[in-house]
N, C-alpha and C. Protein backbone atom coordinates (compact mmCIF):
# COMPACT_ATOMS: atom_id res chain seq x y z
N UNK A 1 177.45 101.45 181.63
CA UNK A 1 176.06 100.75 181.74
C UNK A 1 175.11 101.09 180.60
N UNK A 2 174.55 100.16 180.84
CA UNK A 2 173.61 99.81 179.67
C UNK A 2 172.18 100.57 179.60
N UNK A 3 171.64 100.66 178.84
CA UNK A 3 170.25 101.65 178.65
C UNK A 3 168.94 100.80 178.90
N UNK A 4 168.05 101.05 179.32
CA UNK A 4 167.43 99.46 179.70
C UNK A 4 165.90 100.64 179.79
N UNK A 5 164.89 100.16 179.01
CA UNK A 5 163.87 100.08 178.98
C UNK A 5 162.73 99.35 179.69
N UNK A 6 161.55 99.89 179.99
CA UNK A 6 160.14 98.76 180.77
C UNK A 6 158.88 98.91 180.03
N UNK A 7 158.98 99.37 178.86
CA UNK A 7 157.99 99.30 177.74
C UNK A 7 157.37 98.14 177.34
N UNK A 8 155.89 97.90 177.52
CA UNK A 8 155.32 96.91 177.22
C UNK A 8 155.11 95.86 178.13
N UNK A 9 155.92 95.79 179.50
CA UNK A 9 155.10 95.36 180.86
C UNK A 9 156.10 94.14 180.79
N UNK A 10 157.53 93.91 180.20
CA UNK A 10 158.51 93.04 180.47
C UNK A 10 159.46 93.20 180.93
N UNK A 11 159.20 94.27 181.75
CA UNK A 11 160.44 94.66 182.59
C UNK A 11 161.67 95.14 182.09
N UNK A 12 162.85 95.79 183.04
CA UNK A 12 163.96 96.33 182.20
C UNK A 12 164.67 94.94 181.28
N UNK A 13 164.52 96.00 180.08
CA UNK A 13 164.93 95.29 178.93
C UNK A 13 166.11 95.92 178.13
N UNK A 14 167.16 95.35 177.94
CA UNK A 14 168.33 96.11 177.36
C UNK A 14 168.01 96.79 176.11
N UNK A 15 168.63 97.75 176.21
CA UNK A 15 168.06 98.07 174.38
C UNK A 15 169.43 98.28 173.27
N UNK A 16 170.72 97.69 173.51
CA UNK A 16 171.51 97.25 172.95
C UNK A 16 171.09 96.46 171.83
N UNK A 17 171.54 96.35 170.50
CA UNK A 17 171.64 96.14 169.57
C UNK A 17 169.73 95.23 168.89
N UNK A 18 168.74 96.20 169.35
CA UNK A 18 167.60 96.48 169.32
C UNK A 18 167.15 97.58 168.13
N UNK A 19 167.07 97.19 167.07
CA UNK A 19 166.92 98.24 165.93
C UNK A 19 165.44 98.80 166.66
N UNK A 20 165.47 100.06 165.76
CA UNK A 20 165.04 101.31 166.32
C UNK A 20 163.30 100.67 165.41
N UNK A 21 162.16 100.80 166.07
CA UNK A 21 160.80 100.64 165.55
C UNK A 21 160.40 101.54 164.23
N UNK A 22 159.42 100.94 163.90
CA UNK A 22 159.41 101.91 162.12
C UNK A 22 158.34 102.76 162.72
N UNK A 23 158.11 103.50 161.97
CA UNK A 23 157.03 104.57 161.83
C UNK A 23 157.13 106.20 163.43
N UNK A 24 157.01 106.64 163.50
CA UNK A 24 156.99 107.74 164.24
C UNK A 24 156.95 107.04 165.61
N UNK A 25 157.47 107.57 166.41
CA UNK A 25 158.20 107.51 167.58
C UNK A 25 157.15 107.53 168.88
N UNK A 26 156.50 107.04 169.45
CA UNK A 26 155.71 107.12 170.35
C UNK A 26 155.73 108.53 171.12
N UNK A 27 156.95 109.07 171.67
CA UNK A 27 157.02 110.35 172.31
C UNK A 27 156.33 111.15 171.40
N UNK A 28 156.67 111.44 170.49
CA UNK A 28 156.33 112.75 169.42
C UNK A 28 154.99 112.47 169.17
N UNK A 29 154.09 111.62 169.66
CA UNK A 29 152.30 111.69 169.43
C UNK A 29 151.95 112.67 170.19
N UNK A 30 150.83 113.23 169.99
CA UNK A 30 150.23 114.27 170.57
C UNK A 30 149.88 113.79 171.76
N UNK A 31 149.77 114.79 172.76
CA UNK A 31 148.88 114.08 173.88
C UNK A 31 146.87 114.18 173.52
N UNK A 32 146.26 113.60 173.86
CA UNK A 32 144.92 113.63 174.04
C UNK A 32 144.09 113.45 175.28
N UNK A 33 142.97 114.19 175.41
CA UNK A 33 142.51 114.23 176.41
C UNK A 33 141.25 113.02 176.34
N UNK A 34 140.84 112.37 176.92
CA UNK A 34 139.61 111.15 177.02
C UNK A 34 138.68 111.71 177.81
N UNK A 35 137.15 111.55 177.42
CA UNK A 35 136.12 112.22 177.89
C UNK A 35 134.99 110.54 178.33
N UNK A 36 134.40 110.06 179.08
CA UNK A 36 134.01 109.19 178.37
C UNK A 36 132.25 109.38 179.38
N UNK A 37 131.27 109.27 178.79
CA UNK A 37 129.65 109.25 179.07
C UNK A 37 129.29 107.72 179.59
N UNK A 38 128.79 107.60 180.73
CA UNK A 38 128.88 106.62 181.59
C UNK A 38 126.96 105.84 181.05
N UNK A 39 126.73 104.72 181.17
CA UNK A 39 125.47 104.52 180.93
C UNK A 39 124.35 105.32 181.53
N UNK A 40 124.70 105.55 183.15
CA UNK A 40 123.67 106.23 183.54
C UNK A 40 124.16 107.54 183.60
N UNK A 41 124.91 108.28 183.04
CA UNK A 41 125.66 109.77 183.27
C UNK A 41 124.62 110.11 182.13
N UNK A 42 124.64 111.28 182.61
CA UNK A 42 124.26 112.77 181.47
C UNK A 42 124.98 113.21 180.60
N UNK A 43 126.11 113.45 181.09
CA UNK A 43 127.69 114.01 180.49
C UNK A 43 128.73 113.61 180.30
N UNK A 44 129.45 114.11 179.47
CA UNK A 44 130.65 113.34 179.52
C UNK A 44 131.59 113.63 180.49
N UNK A 45 132.36 112.94 181.28
CA UNK A 45 133.29 113.04 182.38
C UNK A 45 135.12 112.49 182.14
N UNK A 46 135.80 113.85 182.18
CA UNK A 46 137.30 113.54 181.85
C UNK A 46 137.73 112.12 182.80
N UNK A 47 138.47 111.33 181.90
CA UNK A 47 138.87 109.96 182.54
C UNK A 47 140.21 109.63 182.79
N UNK A 48 141.20 110.46 181.38
CA UNK A 48 142.43 110.86 181.55
C UNK A 48 143.10 110.80 179.93
N UNK A 49 144.01 110.64 180.09
CA UNK A 49 144.82 111.15 178.58
C UNK A 49 145.41 110.06 178.06
N UNK A 50 146.15 109.86 177.00
CA UNK A 50 146.57 109.41 176.17
C UNK A 50 147.53 109.78 175.01
N UNK A 51 148.43 109.37 175.02
CA UNK A 51 149.53 109.61 173.20
C UNK A 51 148.89 108.97 172.46
N UNK A 52 148.47 109.07 171.03
CA UNK A 52 148.04 108.53 169.82
C UNK A 52 148.86 109.55 168.71
N UNK A 53 149.05 108.45 167.35
CA UNK A 53 149.31 109.21 166.30
C UNK A 53 148.57 109.84 165.53
N UNK A 54 147.45 110.21 165.94
CA UNK A 54 146.00 110.37 165.09
C UNK A 54 145.01 110.34 166.12
N UNK A 55 143.67 110.90 165.12
CA UNK A 55 142.13 110.87 166.03
C UNK A 55 141.72 109.74 166.53
N UNK A 56 141.85 108.51 165.00
CA UNK A 56 140.90 107.65 165.13
C UNK A 56 141.90 106.80 165.97
N UNK A 57 143.25 106.59 166.08
CA UNK A 57 144.14 105.97 167.06
C UNK A 57 143.70 106.30 168.45
N UNK A 58 143.58 107.25 168.66
CA UNK A 58 143.26 108.09 169.58
C UNK A 58 141.75 107.29 170.10
N UNK A 59 140.75 107.27 169.72
CA UNK A 59 139.69 106.80 170.10
C UNK A 59 139.59 105.58 170.17
N UNK A 60 140.10 104.45 169.35
CA UNK A 60 140.32 103.36 169.33
C UNK A 60 141.31 103.16 171.00
N UNK A 61 142.39 103.56 171.05
CA UNK A 61 143.28 103.95 172.58
C UNK A 61 142.13 104.06 173.73
N UNK A 62 141.15 105.25 173.43
CA UNK A 62 140.28 105.48 174.41
C UNK A 62 139.55 104.25 174.85
N UNK A 63 138.79 104.42 173.73
CA UNK A 63 137.87 102.94 173.97
C UNK A 63 138.36 101.54 174.67
N UNK A 64 139.86 100.77 174.70
CA UNK A 64 140.43 99.99 174.92
C UNK A 64 140.67 100.02 176.21
N UNK A 65 141.13 101.53 176.60
CA UNK A 65 141.70 101.71 178.06
C UNK A 65 141.04 102.14 179.18
N UNK A 66 139.66 103.14 178.55
CA UNK A 66 139.11 103.19 179.49
C UNK A 66 137.63 102.93 179.62
N UNK A 67 137.32 102.10 178.44
CA UNK A 67 136.02 101.13 178.82
C UNK A 67 136.28 99.84 178.54
N UNK A 68 136.91 99.38 179.34
CA UNK A 68 137.02 97.40 179.45
C UNK A 68 135.94 96.92 179.89
N UNK A 69 135.46 97.26 181.03
CA UNK A 69 134.04 96.71 181.76
C UNK A 69 132.65 97.33 181.02
N UNK A 70 132.60 97.54 179.98
CA UNK A 70 131.55 98.35 179.00
C UNK A 70 130.58 99.51 179.84
N UNK A 71 131.65 100.34 180.31
CA UNK A 71 130.80 101.48 181.33
C UNK A 71 130.62 102.40 180.63
N UNK A 72 131.04 102.69 179.38
CA UNK A 72 130.82 103.40 178.58
C UNK A 72 129.66 103.45 177.57
N UNK A 73 129.12 104.64 176.73
CA UNK A 73 127.91 104.35 175.75
C UNK A 73 128.73 105.84 174.73
N UNK A 74 129.64 106.85 175.03
CA UNK A 74 129.94 107.59 173.92
C UNK A 74 131.56 108.03 174.68
N UNK A 75 132.36 108.16 173.60
CA UNK A 75 133.64 108.41 174.36
C UNK A 75 134.03 109.74 173.07
N UNK A 76 134.67 110.84 173.84
CA UNK A 76 135.80 111.72 173.06
C UNK A 76 136.97 111.91 173.78
N UNK A 77 137.64 112.10 172.29
CA UNK A 77 139.03 112.44 172.84
C UNK A 77 139.32 113.67 172.06
N UNK A 78 139.99 114.71 172.72
CA UNK A 78 140.28 116.19 172.69
C UNK A 78 141.71 116.21 172.19
N UNK A 79 142.76 116.74 171.26
CA UNK A 79 143.66 117.01 171.62
C UNK A 79 143.92 117.68 172.53
N UNK A 80 144.92 117.70 173.67
CA UNK A 80 145.53 118.79 174.84
C UNK A 80 146.11 120.03 173.92
N UNK A 81 146.50 119.80 173.18
CA UNK A 81 146.90 121.10 172.56
C UNK A 81 145.81 122.41 172.16
N UNK A 82 144.13 121.82 171.76
CA UNK A 82 143.74 122.22 170.99
C UNK A 82 142.32 122.70 172.64
N UNK A 83 142.82 122.79 173.40
CA UNK A 83 141.68 123.16 174.67
C UNK A 83 142.43 124.70 175.33
N UNK A 84 141.12 125.05 175.49
CA UNK A 84 141.85 126.32 176.08
C UNK A 84 141.11 126.69 177.19
N UNK A 85 141.90 127.00 178.49
CA UNK A 85 140.89 126.84 179.25
C UNK A 85 141.50 128.51 179.96
N UNK A 86 140.30 129.01 181.27
CA UNK A 86 140.53 129.42 181.86
C UNK A 86 141.89 129.65 182.89
N UNK A 87 142.31 130.55 183.10
CA UNK A 87 142.98 130.42 184.43
C UNK A 87 142.82 130.19 185.83
N UNK A 88 143.40 129.60 186.89
CA UNK A 88 142.80 129.57 188.19
C UNK A 88 142.93 130.93 188.87
N UNK A 89 144.52 131.70 188.26
CA UNK A 89 145.13 133.20 189.10
C UNK A 89 144.03 134.03 188.40
N UNK A 90 143.10 133.70 187.52
CA UNK A 90 142.29 134.93 186.95
C UNK A 90 141.10 135.08 187.18
N UNK A 91 140.46 134.08 188.35
CA UNK A 91 138.94 133.63 188.60
C UNK A 91 138.15 134.06 188.64
N UNK A 92 138.52 135.23 189.91
CA UNK A 92 137.76 136.60 190.26
C UNK A 92 137.54 137.64 189.03
N UNK A 93 138.70 138.16 188.30
CA UNK A 93 138.38 139.02 187.63
C UNK A 93 137.62 138.53 186.15
N UNK A 94 137.66 137.37 185.73
CA UNK A 94 137.27 136.58 184.56
C UNK A 94 135.62 136.03 184.74
N UNK A 95 135.38 136.13 185.98
CA UNK A 95 133.91 135.63 186.51
C UNK A 95 133.13 136.13 186.96
N UNK A 96 133.64 137.86 187.19
CA UNK A 96 133.12 139.07 187.85
C UNK A 96 132.03 139.57 187.18
N UNK A 97 132.50 139.58 185.81
CA UNK A 97 130.95 140.06 185.33
C UNK A 97 129.47 139.34 185.22
N UNK A 98 129.41 137.93 185.53
CA UNK A 98 128.51 137.37 186.10
C UNK A 98 127.50 137.77 186.83
N UNK A 99 128.44 138.28 187.75
CA UNK A 99 127.59 138.79 189.21
C UNK A 99 126.87 140.50 188.89
N UNK A 100 127.00 140.88 188.17
CA UNK A 100 126.27 142.39 187.82
C UNK A 100 125.07 141.57 187.31
N UNK A 101 124.69 140.90 186.24
CA UNK A 101 123.30 140.35 185.87
C UNK A 101 122.15 139.50 186.72
N UNK A 102 122.03 140.53 187.38
CA UNK A 102 121.09 139.94 188.41
C UNK A 102 119.92 139.15 187.94
N UNK A 103 119.22 139.43 187.00
CA UNK A 103 118.07 138.88 186.01
C UNK A 103 118.44 137.27 185.88
N UNK A 104 119.76 137.20 186.20
CA UNK A 104 120.08 135.53 186.00
C UNK A 104 119.44 134.89 186.95
N UNK A 105 119.18 135.14 188.41
CA UNK A 105 118.96 134.82 189.62
C UNK A 105 116.94 134.70 189.73
N UNK A 106 117.04 133.33 190.33
CA UNK A 106 115.09 133.39 190.40
C UNK A 106 114.89 134.57 191.65
N UNK A 107 115.78 135.60 191.68
CA UNK A 107 114.43 136.32 192.75
C UNK A 107 113.54 137.05 192.24
N UNK A 108 113.40 136.87 191.19
CA UNK A 108 112.49 138.43 189.95
C UNK A 108 111.03 137.29 190.16
N UNK A 109 110.84 135.93 190.29
CA UNK A 109 110.10 135.36 189.74
C UNK A 109 108.91 134.75 191.28
N UNK A 110 107.37 134.97 191.36
CA UNK A 110 106.23 134.50 192.54
C UNK A 110 106.34 132.97 191.79
N UNK A 111 106.84 131.93 193.01
CA UNK A 111 106.80 130.87 193.12
C UNK A 111 105.34 130.60 193.70
N UNK A 112 104.59 129.73 193.32
CA UNK A 112 103.31 129.81 193.91
C UNK A 112 103.31 128.47 194.71
N UNK A 113 102.12 128.84 195.48
CA UNK A 113 102.61 128.06 196.84
C UNK A 113 102.03 126.55 197.04
N UNK A 114 101.91 126.10 196.21
CA UNK A 114 100.88 124.49 195.82
C UNK A 114 102.41 123.80 194.72
N UNK A 115 103.04 124.60 194.57
CA UNK A 115 104.52 123.89 193.91
C UNK A 115 105.72 123.60 195.06
N UNK A 116 105.73 122.59 194.93
CA UNK A 116 106.12 121.48 196.22
C UNK A 116 108.01 121.96 195.89
N UNK A 117 108.78 121.64 196.74
CA UNK A 117 110.67 121.32 196.77
C UNK A 117 111.21 122.85 195.45
N UNK A 118 111.03 123.94 195.75
CA UNK A 118 111.67 124.86 194.88
C UNK A 118 111.89 126.02 196.20
């Protein structure tokens, strides 16, 4: 049986006799998370992930992949390994301290009657 690959959008291509590509192997490249701020948006939104050899390549690939129709005005790329996140399993104990801070709630303010929609 022959090893086949479908990379490059050309369908299954036999790998026998094909020399190895120069440089780093794509599968060894770090994973980046991509965030794009749209023309009408005020914040960056996660739009996907990609592999790249370095930060600059990740930024260029993100532009080519995720802003094809000129919908973005700003792109952030972040190595996935550099992201630290809270665990969904620990959500109750992690966020519990904020419940003790009642001063963060607008219950201590008098709202004038002539101020609408508050």
